[in-house]
Amino acid sequence: MKPDINAAEVLFEFIRLGNAVKVTAFHVPTLTEISIVGARGASEAHLKLLGLKRLEYVLAKQRRGEL
């Protein structure tokens, strides 16, 4: 499934924490930031996709006024 937001508008940061990776995604147009934790063995592309999906979820909640 392809995310609805433009990945070019998102900045990513990856930090290794033992057997995990903390992924921070920042959506520049809305100044929205999320963090997820994934497996260290996961590919960067997969972690980015998970980050984008979480970001879409948070942005949708903001649009509905739930946050």
PDB file of N, CA and C in Angstrom:
ATOM      1  N   MET A   1       0.839  -1.182   0.000  1.00  0.00           N
ATOM      2  CA  MET A   1       0.000   0.000   0.000  1.00  0.00           C
ATOM      3  C   MET A   1       0.883   1.245   0.000  1.00  0.00           C
ATOM      4  N   LYS A   2       0.627   2.163  -0.902  1.00  0.00           N
ATOM      5  CA  LYS A   2       1.422   3.379  -1.016  1.00  0.00           C
ATOM      6  C   LYS A   2       0.819   4.481  -0.130  1.00  0.00           C
ATOM      7  N   PRO A   3       1.677   5.168   0.651  1.00  0.00           N
ATOM      8  CA  PRO A   3       1.173   6.244   1.512  1.00  0.00           C
ATOM      9  C   PRO A   3       0.577   7.397   0.713  1.00  0.00           C
ATOM     10  N   ASP A   4      -0.350   8.145   1.341  1.00  0.00           N
ATOM     11  CA  ASP A   4      -1.010   9.274   0.686  1.00  0.00           C
ATOM     12  C   ASP A   4      -0.173  10.551   0.721  1.00  0.00           C
ATOM     13  N   ILE A   5       0.740  10.679   1.682  1.00  0.00           N
ATOM     14  CA  ILE A   5       1.542  11.894   1.763  1.00  0.00           C
ATOM     15  C   ILE A   5       2.791  11.751   0.907  1.00  0.00           C
ATOM     16  N   ASN A   6       3.324  12.868   0.471  1.00  0.00           N
ATOM     17  CA  ASN A   6       4.509  12.900  -0.370  1.00  0.00           C
ATOM     18  C   ASN A   6       5.742  12.681   0.496  1.00  0.00           C
ATOM     19  N   ALA A   7       6.471  11.614   0.245  1.00  0.00           N
ATOM     20  CA  ALA A   7       7.655  11.286   1.037  1.00  0.00           C
ATOM     21  C   ALA A   7       8.736  12.360   0.898  1.00  0.00           C
ATOM     22  N   ALA A   8       8.701  13.148  -0.166  1.00  0.00           N
ATOM     23  CA  ALA A   8       9.685  14.211  -0.345  1.00  0.00           C
ATOM     24  C   ALA A   8       9.488  15.334   0.675  1.00  0.00           C
ATOM     25  N   GLU A   9       8.320  15.386   1.308  1.00  0.00           N
ATOM     26  CA  GLU A   9       8.035  16.405   2.324  1.00  0.00           C
ATOM     27  C   GLU A   9       8.330  15.914   3.737  1.00  0.00           C
ATOM     28  N   VAL A  10       8.956  14.737   3.851  1.00  0.00           N
ATOM     29  CA  VAL A  10       9.196  14.129   5.156  1.00  0.00           C
ATOM     30  C   VAL A  10      10.693  13.928   5.371  1.00  0.00           C
ATOM     31  N   LEU A  11      11.173  14.346   6.536  1.00  0.00           N
ATOM     32  CA  LEU A  11      12.560  14.115   6.935  1.00  0.00           C
ATOM     33  C   LEU A  11      12.595  12.913   7.875  1.00  0.00           C
ATOM     34  N   PHE A  12      13.575  12.031   7.688  1.00  0.00           N
ATOM     35  CA  PHE A  12      13.695  10.833   8.516  1.00  0.00           C
ATOM     36  C   PHE A  12      14.996  10.849   9.290  1.00  0.00           C
ATOM     37  N   GLU A  13      14.942  10.290  10.506  1.00  0.00           N
ATOM     38  CA  GLU A  13      16.135  10.090  11.321  1.00  0.00           C
ATOM     39  C   GLU A  13      16.093   8.657  11.839  1.00  0.00           C
ATOM     40  N   PHE A  14      17.215   7.944  11.751  1.00  0.00           N
ATOM     41  CA  PHE A  14      17.313   6.570  12.214  1.00  0.00           C
ATOM     42  C   PHE A  14      18.371   6.497  13.309  1.00  0.00           C
ATOM     43  N   ILE A  15      17.991   5.958  14.463  1.00  0.00           N
ATOM     44  CA  ILE A  15      18.923   5.814  15.584  1.00  0.00           C
ATOM     45  C   ILE A  15      18.884   4.369  16.058  1.00  0.00           C
ATOM     46  N   ARG A  16      20.049   3.709  16.031  1.00  0.00           N
ATOM     47  CA  ARG A  16      20.131   2.330  16.515  1.00  0.00           C
ATOM     48  C   ARG A  16      20.121   2.306  18.033  1.00  0.00           C
ATOM     49  N   LEU A  17      19.276   1.443  18.598  1.00  0.00           N
ATOM     50  CA  LEU A  17      19.167   1.275  20.044  1.00  0.00           C
ATOM     51  C   LEU A  17      19.203  -0.224  20.338  1.00  0.00           C
ATOM     52  N   GLY A  18      20.398  -0.790  20.488  1.00  0.00           N
ATOM     53  CA  GLY A  18      20.514  -2.230  20.714  1.00  0.00           C
ATOM     54  C   GLY A  18      19.993  -3.006  19.517  1.00  0.00           C
ATOM     55  N   ASN A  19      18.975  -3.833  19.735  1.00  0.00           N
ATOM     56  CA  ASN A  19      18.405  -4.649  18.652  1.00  0.00           C
ATOM     57  C   ASN A  19      17.250  -3.950  17.950  1.00  0.00           C
ATOM     58  N   ALA A  20      17.085  -2.676  18.201  1.00  0.00           N
ATOM     59  CA  ALA A  20      15.976  -1.925  17.608  1.00  0.00           C
ATOM     60  C   ALA A  20      16.501  -0.671  16.918  1.00  0.00           C
ATOM     61  N   VAL A  21      15.637  -0.067  16.122  1.00  0.00           N
ATOM     62  CA  VAL A  21      15.942   1.201  15.461  1.00  0.00           C
ATOM     63  C   VAL A  21      14.788   2.152  15.750  1.00  0.00           C
ATOM     64  N   LYS A  22      15.122   3.326  16.277  1.00  0.00           N
ATOM     65  CA  LYS A  22      14.108   4.359  16.465  1.00  0.00           C
ATOM     66  C   LYS A  22      14.059   5.192  15.197  1.00  0.00           C
ATOM     67  N   VAL A  23      12.882   5.305  14.621  1.00  0.00           N
ATOM     68  CA  VAL A  23      12.689   6.081  13.396  1.00  0.00           C
ATOM     69  C   VAL A  23      11.831   7.292  13.742  1.00  0.00           C
ATOM     70  N   THR A  24      12.363   8.464  13.453  1.00  0.00           N
ATOM     71  CA  THR A  24      11.611   9.699  13.629  1.00  0.00           C
ATOM     72  C   THR A  24      11.315  10.250  12.242  1.00  0.00           C
ATOM     73  N   ALA A  25      10.045  10.584  12.007  1.00  0.00           N
ATOM     74  CA  ALA A  25       9.622  11.159  10.733  1.00  0.00           C
ATOM     75  C   ALA A  25       9.015  12.529  11.014  1.00  0.00           C
ATOM     76  N   PHE A  26       9.472  13.540  10.265  1.00  0.00           N
ATOM     77  CA  PHE A  26       9.012  14.913  10.445  1.00  0.00           C
ATOM     78  C   PHE A  26       8.388  15.394   9.147  1.00  0.00           C
ATOM     79  N   HIS A  27       7.086  15.727   9.186  1.00  0.00           N
ATOM     80  CA  HIS A  27       6.368  16.235   8.009  1.00  0.00           C
ATOM     81  C   HIS A  27       6.524  17.753   7.986  1.00  0.00           C
ATOM     82  N   VAL A  28       7.321  18.250   7.073  1.00  0.00           N
ATOM     83  CA  VAL A  28       7.692  19.664   7.024  1.00  0.00           C
ATOM     84  C   VAL A  28       6.490  20.603   6.861  1.00  0.00           C
ATOM     85  N   PRO A  29       5.557  20.359   5.935  1.00  0.00           N
ATOM     86  CA  PRO A  29       4.457  21.319   5.750  1.00  0.00           C
ATOM     87  C   PRO A  29       3.585  21.529   6.987  1.00  0.00           C
ATOM     88  N   THR A  30       3.405  20.484   7.800  1.00  0.00           N
ATOM     89  CA  THR A  30       2.515  20.602   8.964  1.00  0.00           C
ATOM     90  C   THR A  30       3.275  20.663  10.285  1.00  0.00           C
ATOM     91  N   LEU A  31       4.601  20.560  10.229  1.00  0.00           N
ATOM     92  CA  LEU A  31       5.444  20.549  11.429  1.00  0.00           C
ATOM     93  C   LEU A  31       5.045  19.440  12.402  1.00  0.00           C
ATOM     94  N   THR A  32       4.640  18.299  11.848  1.00  0.00           N
ATOM     95  CA  THR A  32       4.218  17.151  12.650  1.00  0.00           C
ATOM     96  C   THR A  32       5.347  16.133  12.701  1.00  0.00           C
ATOM     97  N   GLU A  33       5.611  15.611  13.906  1.00  0.00           N
ATOM     98  CA  GLU A  33       6.685  14.639  14.100  1.00  0.00           C
ATOM     99  C   GLU A  33       6.142  13.401  14.797  1.00  0.00           C
ATOM    100  N   ILE A  34       6.569  12.231  14.317  1.00  0.00           N
ATOM    101  CA  ILE A  34       6.197  10.971  14.958  1.00  0.00           C
ATOM    102  C   ILE A  34       7.462  10.145  15.152  1.00  0.00           C
ATOM    103  N   SER A  35       7.394   9.159  16.033  1.00  0.00           N
ATOM    104  CA  SER A  35       8.481   8.208  16.233  1.00  0.00           C
ATOM    105  C   SER A  35       7.902   6.812  16.312  1.00  0.00           C
ATOM    106  N   ILE A  36       8.636   5.864  15.745  1.00  0.00           N
ATOM    107  CA  ILE A  36       8.298   4.458  15.854  1.00  0.00           C
ATOM    108  C   ILE A  36       9.575   3.704  16.194  1.00  0.00           C
ATOM    109  N   VAL A  37       9.433   2.480  16.648  1.00  0.00           N
ATOM    110  CA  VAL A  37      10.579   1.615  16.902  1.00  0.00           C
ATOM    111  C   VAL A  37      10.393   0.360  16.074  1.00  0.00           C
ATOM    112  N   GLY A  38      11.440   0.002  15.330  1.00  0.00           N
ATOM    113  CA  GLY A  38      11.388  -1.180  14.479  1.00  0.00           C
ATOM    114  C   GLY A  38      12.559  -2.095  14.742  1.00  0.00           C
ATOM    115  N   ALA A  39      12.533  -3.256  14.130  1.00  0.00           N
ATOM    116  CA  ALA A  39      13.604  -4.235  14.268  1.00  0.00           C
ATOM    117  C   ALA A  39      14.866  -3.748  13.566  1.00  0.00           C
ATOM    118  N   ARG A  40      16.007  -3.989  14.180  1.00  0.00           N
ATOM    119  CA  ARG A  40      17.274  -3.551  13.597  1.00  0.00           C
ATOM    120  C   ARG A  40      17.529  -4.197  12.239  1.00  0.00           C
ATOM    121  N   GLY A  41      17.011  -5.402  12.034  1.00  0.00           N
ATOM    122  CA  GLY A  41      17.226  -6.114  10.778  1.00  0.00           C
ATOM    123  C   GLY A  41      16.304  -5.681   9.651  1.00  0.00           C
ATOM    124  N   ALA A  42      15.328  -4.835   9.945  1.00  0.00           N
ATOM    125  CA  ALA A  42      14.395  -4.372   8.908  1.00  0.00           C
ATOM    126  C   ALA A  42      15.109  -3.424   7.949  1.00  0.00           C
ATOM    127  N   SER A  43      14.675  -3.438   6.704  1.00  0.00           N
ATOM    128  CA  SER A  43      15.300  -2.556   5.715  1.00  0.00           C
ATOM    129  C   SER A  43      14.886  -1.101   5.962  1.00  0.00           C
ATOM    130  N   GLU A  44      15.707  -0.195   5.485  1.00  0.00           N
ATOM    131  CA  GLU A  44      15.403   1.230   5.629  1.00  0.00           C
ATOM    132  C   GLU A  44      14.097   1.577   4.908  1.00  0.00           C
ATOM    133  N   ALA A  45      13.882   0.974   3.754  1.00  0.00           N
ATOM    134  CA  ALA A  45      12.658   1.240   2.992  1.00  0.00           C
ATOM    135  C   ALA A  45      11.423   0.805   3.779  1.00  0.00           C
ATOM    136  N   HIS A  46      11.503  -0.351   4.444  1.00  0.00           N
ATOM    137  CA  HIS A  46      10.368  -0.838   5.234  1.00  0.00           C
ATOM    138  C   HIS A  46      10.118   0.077   6.429  1.00  0.00           C
ATOM    139  N   LEU A  47      11.179   0.500   7.101  1.00  0.00           N
ATOM    140  CA  LEU A  47      11.027   1.393   8.254  1.00  0.00           C
ATOM    141  C   LEU A  47      10.453   2.746   7.828  1.00  0.00           C
ATOM    142  N   LYS A  48      10.872   3.242   6.667  1.00  0.00           N
ATOM    143  CA  LYS A  48      10.311   4.496   6.154  1.00  0.00           C
ATOM    144  C   LYS A  48       8.826   4.344   5.872  1.00  0.00           C
ATOM    145  N   LEU A  49       8.442   3.212   5.269  1.00  0.00           N
ATOM    146  CA  LEU A  49       7.035   2.964   4.972  1.00  0.00           C
ATOM    147  C   LEU A  49       6.214   2.935   6.263  1.00  0.00           C
ATOM    148  N   LEU A  50       6.722   2.257   7.289  1.00  0.00           N
ATOM    149  CA  LEU A  50       6.024   2.222   8.578  1.00  0.00           C
ATOM    150  C   LEU A  50       5.902   3.623   9.172  1.00  0.00           C
ATOM    151  N   GLY A  51       6.980   4.408   9.054  1.00  0.00           N
ATOM    152  CA  GLY A  51       6.953   5.785   9.550  1.00  0.00           C
ATOM    153  C   GLY A  51       5.935   6.634   8.809  1.00  0.00           C
ATOM    154  N   LEU A  52       5.876   6.482   7.490  1.00  0.00           N
ATOM    155  CA  LEU A  52       4.912   7.237   6.686  1.00  0.00           C
ATOM    156  C   LEU A  52       3.478   6.854   7.037  1.00  0.00           C
ATOM    157  N   LYS A  53       3.229   5.557   7.248  1.00  0.00           N
ATOM    158  CA  LYS A  53       1.884   5.116   7.601  1.00  0.00           C
ATOM    159  C   LYS A  53       1.464   5.685   8.955  1.00  0.00           C
ATOM    160  N   ARG A  54       2.383   5.702   9.917  1.00  0.00           N
ATOM    161  CA  ARG A  54       2.071   6.270  11.233  1.00  0.00           C
ATOM    162  C   ARG A  54       1.820   7.777  11.109  1.00  0.00           C
ATOM    163  N   LEU A  55       2.626   8.444  10.297  1.00  0.00           N
ATOM    164  CA  LEU A  55       2.461   9.877  10.084  1.00  0.00           C
ATOM    165  C   LEU A  55       1.104  10.173   9.447  1.00  0.00           C
ATOM    166  N   GLU A  56       0.704   9.372   8.473  1.00  0.00           N
ATOM    167  CA  GLU A  56      -0.620   9.538   7.861  1.00  0.00           C
ATOM    168  C   GLU A  56      -1.722   9.378   8.901  1.00  0.00           C
ATOM    169  N   TYR A  57      -1.581   8.398   9.775  1.00  0.00           N
ATOM    170  CA  TYR A  57      -2.562   8.157  10.825  1.00  0.00           C
ATOM    171  C   TYR A  57      -2.693   9.383  11.732  1.00  0.00           C
ATOM    172  N   VAL A  58      -1.563   9.928  12.160  1.00  0.00           N
ATOM    173  CA  VAL A  58      -1.575  11.095  13.046  1.00  0.00           C
ATOM    174  C   VAL A  58      -2.148  12.314  12.332  1.00  0.00           C
ATOM    175  N   LEU A  59      -1.770  12.531  11.083  1.00  0.00           N
ATOM    176  CA  LEU A  59      -2.287  13.670  10.324  1.00  0.00           C
ATOM    177  C   LEU A  59      -3.798  13.550  10.120  1.00  0.00           C
ATOM    178  N   ALA A  60      -4.286  12.346   9.874  1.00  0.00           N
ATOM    179  CA  ALA A  60      -5.730  12.139   9.705  1.00  0.00           C
ATOM    180  C   ALA A  60      -6.462  12.456  11.005  1.00  0.00           C
ATOM    181  N   LYS A  61      -5.898  12.060  12.141  1.00  0.00           N
ATOM    182  CA  LYS A  61      -6.515  12.369  13.431  1.00  0.00           C
ATOM    183  C   LYS A  61      -6.527  13.881  13.675  1.00  0.00           C
ATOM    184  N   GLN A  62      -5.468  14.566  13.273  1.00  0.00           N
ATOM    185  CA  GLN A  62      -5.417  16.021  13.422  1.00  0.00           C
ATOM    186  C   GLN A  62      -6.499  16.684  12.571  1.00  0.00           C
ATOM    187  N   ARG A  63      -6.663  16.211  11.340  1.00  0.00           N
ATOM    188  CA  ARG A  63      -7.682  16.781  10.449  1.00  0.00           C
ATOM    189  C   ARG A  63      -9.094  16.591  11.002  1.00  0.00           C
ATOM    190  N   ARG A  64      -9.303  15.464  11.679  1.00  0.00           N
ATOM    191  CA  ARG A  64     -10.626  15.195  12.282  1.00  0.00           C
ATOM    192  C   ARG A  64     -10.797  15.885  13.623  1.00  0.00           C
ATOM    193  N   GLY A  65      -9.748  16.547  14.111  1.00  0.00           N
ATOM    194  CA  GLY A  65      -9.817  17.253  15.375  1.00  0.00           C
ATOM    195  C   GLY A  65      -9.720  16.356  16.591  1.00  0.00           C
ATOM    196  N   GLU A  66      -9.177  15.168  16.429  1.00  0.00           N
ATOM    197  CA  GLU A  66      -9.066  14.230  17.542  1.00  0.00           C
ATOM    198  C   GLU A  66      -7.791  14.413  18.347  1.00  0.00           C
ATOM    199  N   LEU A  67      -6.872  15.211  17.860  1.00  0.00           N
ATOM    200  CA  LEU A  67      -5.625  15.468  18.607  1.00  0.00           C
ATOM    201  C   LEU A  67      -5.515  16.910  18.986  1.00  0.00           C
TER     202      LEU A  67
END
